[in-house]
Protein backbone atom coordinates (compact mmCIF):
# COMPACT_ATOMS: atom_id res chain seq x y z
CA MET A 1 95.68 102.99 87.06
CA LYS A 2 95.95 106.45 85.53
CA LYS A 3 96.93 106.43 81.87
CA ALA A 4 99.16 108.94 80.08
CA HIS A 5 99.81 109.07 76.35
CA ILE A 6 102.85 110.90 74.98
CA VAL A 7 102.88 112.09 71.37
CA TYR A 8 106.38 113.00 70.21
CA ALA A 9 107.50 114.75 67.02
CA HIS A 10 111.18 115.36 66.27
CA PRO A 11 113.08 114.32 63.12
CA GLU A 12 116.24 113.44 65.08
CA PRO A 13 115.99 110.29 67.27
CA GLN A 14 118.87 111.48 69.49
CA SER A 15 117.42 114.95 70.05
CA PHE A 16 117.05 116.69 73.38
CA VAL A 17 113.27 116.45 72.96
CA ASN A 18 113.71 112.68 72.77
CA ALA A 19 115.63 112.82 76.06
CA MET A 20 112.78 114.87 77.54
CA VAL A 21 110.29 112.21 76.44
CA ASP A 22 112.36 109.45 78.04
CA ARG A 23 112.61 111.34 81.31
CA ALA A 24 108.93 112.30 81.29
CA ARG A 25 107.92 108.68 80.72
CA ALA A 26 110.11 107.50 83.59
CA ALA A 27 108.85 110.24 85.93
CA LEU A 28 105.22 109.45 85.13
CA GLN A 29 105.76 105.73 85.62
CA GLN A 30 107.48 106.40 88.92
CA ALA A 31 104.44 108.45 89.95
CA GLY A 32 102.12 105.54 89.19
CA TRP A 33 101.02 106.27 85.62
CA GLN A 34 100.68 103.73 82.84
CA VAL A 35 102.40 105.36 79.86
CA SER A 36 102.09 104.80 76.10
CA ILE A 37 103.97 106.69 73.36
CA SER A 38 103.41 107.62 69.73
CA ASP A 39 106.73 108.57 68.12
CA LEU A 40 105.34 110.11 64.93
CA TYR A 41 108.55 110.15 62.89
CA ALA A 42 109.46 106.60 63.89
CA LYS A 43 105.98 105.44 62.90
CA GLY A 44 106.13 107.29 59.60
CA PHE A 45 102.84 108.95 60.48
CA ASN A 46 101.20 110.70 57.54
CA PRO A 47 100.43 114.29 58.63
CA VAL A 48 98.49 115.27 55.52
CA ALA A 49 94.70 115.39 55.86
CA SER A 50 93.03 114.22 52.66
CA ALA A 51 90.09 112.36 51.17
CA GLU A 52 92.15 109.17 51.53
CA ASP A 53 91.46 109.29 55.27
CA PHE A 54 87.93 108.00 54.65
CA ARG A 55 87.19 104.53 53.27
CA ASP A 56 83.50 105.36 52.91
CA ARG A 57 82.48 108.90 52.10
CA ARG A 58 79.38 110.66 53.39
CA ASP A 59 79.57 112.91 50.32
CA PRO A 60 81.82 111.51 47.57
CA GLY A 61 81.40 114.64 45.47
CA HIS A 62 82.61 117.31 47.90
CA LEU A 63 85.04 116.93 50.81
CA VAL A 64 84.07 118.65 54.05
CA TYR A 65 86.76 117.15 56.25
CA SER A 66 85.06 117.69 59.62
CA LEU A 67 81.81 116.11 58.46
CA GLU A 68 83.63 113.15 56.97
CA GLN A 69 85.44 112.70 60.29
CA ARG A 70 82.10 112.35 62.04
CA HIS A 71 80.82 109.88 59.48
CA GLY A 72 84.06 107.91 59.39
CA TRP A 73 84.21 107.49 63.17
CA SER A 74 80.54 106.53 63.57
CA SER A 75 80.66 104.10 60.64
CA GLY A 76 84.05 102.59 61.49
CA THR A 77 85.51 103.61 58.13
CA LEU A 78 88.33 105.97 59.13
CA ALA A 79 91.87 105.15 58.00
CA SER A 80 93.49 102.68 60.39
CA ASP A 81 96.41 104.96 61.34
CA ILE A 82 93.93 107.60 62.53
CA VAL A 83 91.90 105.08 64.52
CA GLU A 84 95.04 103.83 66.27
CA GLU A 85 95.94 107.35 67.42
CA VAL A 86 92.38 108.33 68.40
CA GLU A 87 91.95 105.23 70.53
CA ALA A 88 95.22 105.90 72.37
CA VAL A 89 94.21 109.49 73.11
CA LEU A 90 90.70 108.60 74.24
CA ALA A 91 92.06 105.95 76.61
CA ALA A 92 94.41 108.43 78.31
CA ASP A 93 93.67 110.63 81.31
CA LEU A 94 96.71 112.77 80.43
CA LEU A 95 97.92 113.74 76.96
CA VAL A 96 101.53 114.91 76.66
CA LEU A 97 102.72 116.59 73.46
CA ALA A 98 106.50 116.86 73.00
CA PHE A 99 108.15 118.76 70.16
CA PRO A 100 110.65 121.52 69.31
CA VAL A 101 109.37 125.00 68.53
CA PHE A 102 109.56 125.64 64.78
CA TRP A 103 108.75 129.17 63.55
CA PHE A 104 106.69 130.23 66.61
CA SER A 105 104.75 126.95 66.33
CA MET A 106 105.05 123.18 66.28
CA PRO A 107 106.49 120.95 63.54
CA ALA A 108 104.19 120.18 60.63
CA MET A 109 104.21 116.53 61.73
CA MET A 110 102.54 117.44 65.04
CA LYS A 111 100.10 119.88 63.44
CA GLY A 112 99.07 117.24 60.90
CA TRP A 113 98.58 114.69 63.70
CA ILE A 114 96.14 117.10 65.36
CA ASP A 115 94.35 117.80 62.06
CA ARG A 116 93.72 114.10 61.47
CA VAL A 117 93.22 112.84 65.03
CA PHE A 118 91.17 115.51 66.84
CA LEU A 119 87.91 114.38 65.31
CA SER A 120 84.95 116.66 64.87
CA GLY A 121 82.02 115.26 66.82
CA THR A 122 84.23 113.23 69.15
CA PHE A 123 86.62 115.86 70.47
CA TYR A 124 84.46 118.94 69.85
CA GLY A 125 81.45 120.24 67.91
CA GLY A 126 78.79 122.92 68.07
CA ARG A 127 78.49 124.05 71.70
CA ARG A 128 80.71 121.17 72.83
CA VAL A 129 83.81 123.33 73.23
CA TYR A 130 86.09 124.28 76.13
CA ASP A 131 84.72 122.90 79.41
CA ARG A 132 81.86 121.10 77.62
CA ALA A 133 83.93 119.50 74.87
CA GLY A 134 84.77 115.85 74.43
CA MET A 135 88.00 115.86 76.44
CA ALA A 136 86.52 117.64 79.48
CA GLY A 137 87.85 116.01 82.64
CA LYS A 138 91.16 115.10 81.04
CA ARG A 139 94.45 117.00 81.27
CA ALA A 140 97.22 117.92 78.84
CA LEU A 141 100.86 118.95 79.13
CA VAL A 142 103.21 120.36 76.48
CA LEU A 143 106.95 119.71 76.62
CA THR A 144 108.98 121.81 74.20
CA SER A 145 112.46 123.11 73.49
CA LEU A 146 113.79 126.06 71.53
CA GLY A 147 116.98 127.92 70.76
CA GLY A 148 116.02 131.30 72.25
CA ARG A 149 117.04 132.47 75.70
CA GLU A 150 114.41 132.82 78.41
CA HIS A 151 114.69 136.62 78.54
CA MET A 152 113.57 136.80 74.88
CA PHE A 153 110.03 135.78 75.88
CA GLY A 154 107.55 137.71 78.01
CA LYS A 155 105.24 140.70 78.01
CA ASP A 156 107.84 143.27 76.97
CA ALA A 157 110.39 140.88 75.44
CA ILE A 158 111.40 140.86 71.80
CA HIS A 159 109.30 137.81 70.89
CA GLY A 160 106.39 138.51 73.23
CA GLU A 161 104.58 136.00 75.43
CA LEU A 162 105.34 132.34 74.82
CA SER A 163 102.60 130.27 76.47
CA MET A 164 99.59 132.51 75.79
CA GLY A 165 101.14 134.33 72.86
CA MET A 166 103.26 132.25 70.54
CA LEU A 167 101.70 128.91 71.59
CA ARG A 168 98.17 130.12 72.31
CA HIS A 169 96.90 128.47 69.12
CA LEU A 170 97.88 125.11 70.60
CA LEU A 171 97.32 125.57 74.32
CA GLN A 172 93.94 127.34 74.09
CA GLY A 173 92.84 127.04 70.47
CA THR A 174 93.44 123.29 70.30
CA LEU A 175 93.90 121.58 73.67
CA GLY A 176 91.69 123.92 75.68
CA TYR A 177 89.11 124.12 72.91
CA VAL A 178 88.52 120.35 72.93
CA GLY A 179 88.11 120.34 76.71
CA TYR A 180 91.50 119.56 78.22
CA GLN A 181 92.60 121.24 81.40
CA VAL A 182 96.03 122.38 80.22
CA TYR A 183 99.04 122.54 82.49
CA GLU A 184 101.55 125.35 82.16
CA PRO A 185 104.01 123.99 79.56
CA PHE A 186 107.54 122.86 80.35
CA ILE A 187 109.95 124.84 78.19
CA ALA A 188 113.64 124.11 77.69
CA TYR A 189 115.39 127.31 76.55
CA HIS A 190 118.55 127.81 74.46
CA VAL A 191 119.09 124.04 74.29
CA PRO A 192 121.47 123.79 71.29
CA TYR A 193 123.89 126.29 72.79
CA VAL A 194 124.23 125.32 76.46
CA THR A 195 126.58 122.85 78.11
CA ALA A 196 125.84 119.19 78.73
CA GLU A 197 125.70 120.01 82.42
CA ALA A 198 123.03 122.66 81.80
CA ARG A 199 120.97 120.24 79.73
CA ALA A 200 121.24 117.68 82.52
CA GLN A 201 119.87 120.26 84.96
CA VAL A 202 116.91 120.89 82.65
CA LEU A 203 116.15 117.17 82.58
CA ASP A 204 116.37 116.99 86.36
CA ALA A 205 113.88 119.86 86.59
CA LEU A 206 111.61 118.00 84.18
CA ASP A 207 111.77 114.92 86.42
CA ALA A 208 110.68 116.90 89.43
CA GLN A 209 107.91 118.84 87.69
CA VAL A 210 106.38 115.94 85.77
CA GLY A 211 106.54 113.77 88.85
CA SER A 212 104.38 116.24 90.81
CA LEU A 213 101.76 117.43 88.36
CA GLU A 214 99.09 117.82 91.04
CA GLY A 215 100.64 121.11 92.12
CA ARG A 216 101.29 122.46 88.62
CA ARG A 217 99.44 125.56 87.47
CA ILE A 218 96.57 125.02 85.04
CA LEU A 219 96.03 127.68 82.38
CA ARG A 220 92.73 129.55 82.52
CA PHE A 221 90.41 129.30 79.52
CA PRO A 222 86.77 130.34 78.92
CA SER A 223 83.92 128.49 80.56
CA LEU A 224 80.65 128.25 78.68
CA ASP A 225 78.90 129.11 81.93
CA ALA A 226 79.86 132.73 81.19
CA PHE A 227 78.30 132.83 77.71
CA ASP A 228 74.85 132.53 76.17
CA GLU A 229 73.80 130.02 73.51
CA PHE A 230 75.37 132.20 70.80
CA PHE A 231 78.67 132.54 72.75
CA ARG A 232 77.93 136.14 73.71
CA PRO A 233 79.20 137.09 77.20
CA LEU A 234 76.52 137.01 79.88
CA PRO A 235 76.27 140.45 81.50
CA ASP A 236 75.88 139.14 85.05
CA VAL A 237 78.85 136.72 85.01
């Protein structure tokens, strides 16, 4: 059975993002997925990367976080809360991240989860990036909500592009970089200011779109086939 893992970050348990997570889980299960969830606020997940993440240090005198991640994973000495999250992500064919947009980005809770969980050496490293990275062959989907209206986002709009502008750091620079094929995100606009009926329509659209991911557009990111060993573009590609 296909496995999906949803990681959810919102400080309000009754938020619209929480409703999106519930509907996404139900839609995935209806489509035949086995679904697990990490509710980061409910778990009290610590988003702060620090030396305390490593029970045995490769270099006790100087912290290079990425190198300690590699050592901690290979030696089995990473903090237990990190190991729990890493194992859930590695077991999943589909990773779903759900959060509200804060300041053109994601909440600090979600960013800290990525900092601590996307391990150097396991998820990426050296030339193991994009379509040759650790998560190659897996897929990812972002579900997000914001207060702005849809017309505020786009090539000539006041805030510019959303997916490959405002959220490019996540969609390409994080998910794509570690190898995921990334679906076009599902975005709920103007949520705090619309009617209950309008929010219900958004959730119905989420049902339909999550339930039929096979036809959803996948964002285009670099392939290492087009670059040399130093990541310079190949002239004949």
